[in-house]
Protein backbone atom coordinates (compact mmCIF):
# COMPACT_ATOMS: atom_id res chain seq x y z
CA MET A 1 47.35 154.16 107.84
CA TRP A 2 50.55 155.98 107.92
CA ALA A 3 52.37 152.77 108.38
CA SER A 4 50.97 151.52 105.09
CA LEU A 5 52.05 154.86 103.22
CA TYR A 6 55.51 154.53 104.68
CA VAL A 7 55.88 150.95 103.49
CA PHE A 8 54.40 152.00 100.07
CA PHE A 9 56.91 154.73 99.56
CA PHE A 10 59.69 152.65 100.65
CA PHE A 11 58.77 150.01 98.38
CA MET A 12 58.55 152.61 95.42
CA LEU A 13 62.02 154.13 96.47
CA ILE A 14 63.54 150.36 96.39
CA VAL A 15 61.77 149.92 92.73
CA TRP A 16 63.06 153.25 91.37
CA GLY A 17 66.71 152.38 92.69
CA VAL A 18 66.64 148.96 90.86
CA VAL A 19 65.41 150.48 87.63
CA GLU A 20 68.07 153.18 87.77
CA LEU A 21 70.77 150.67 88.22
CA LEU A 22 69.41 148.38 85.34
CA LEU A 23 69.31 151.57 83.06
CA ARG A 24 72.84 152.51 84.00
CA LEU A 25 74.07 148.80 83.28
CA ILE A 26 72.33 149.03 79.85
CA ARG A 27 74.08 152.32 79.00
CA ARG A 28 77.56 150.67 80.01
CA ASP A 29 76.95 147.29 78.26
CA SER A 30 80.23 145.99 77.54
CA ILE A 31 79.04 143.49 74.80
CA ILE A 32 77.51 146.20 72.65
CA HIS A 33 80.81 148.31 73.16
CA ASP A 34 82.99 145.40 72.14
CA LYS A 35 80.80 144.65 69.05
CA ASN A 36 81.17 148.29 67.98
CA GLN A 37 84.90 148.17 68.32
CA LEU A 38 85.28 145.00 66.41
CA TRP A 39 82.96 146.33 63.66
CA GLU A 40 85.28 149.50 63.44
CA LYS A 41 88.48 147.35 63.55
CA PHE A 42 87.65 145.10 60.69
CA PRO A 43 85.89 147.11 57.84
CA LEU A 44 83.91 144.60 56.02
CA THR A 45 81.53 145.45 53.08
CA LEU A 46 78.19 143.99 52.65
CA GLN A 47 79.47 141.74 49.78
CA ASP A 48 82.31 140.35 51.95
CA MET A 49 79.82 139.06 54.37
CA HIS A 50 78.07 137.14 51.72
CA TYR A 51 78.92 133.32 51.08
CA PRO A 52 80.48 133.11 47.55
CA THR A 53 78.27 131.00 45.27
CA LYS A 54 79.82 128.47 43.04
CA LYS A 55 79.91 129.40 39.39
CA LYS A 56 78.69 126.75 37.02
């Protein structure tokens, strides 16, 4: 009885640690940081992003 409780709480501790590490990695995601830095470095307007259409 007690052994199964120990195994259960040990498993829950491992799951909690893995979730904590994943949340920490999501907060420090370098791809999102790089994307934000590029967006601030090259100020584009919405009209600059649209492909120019040919005039008739």
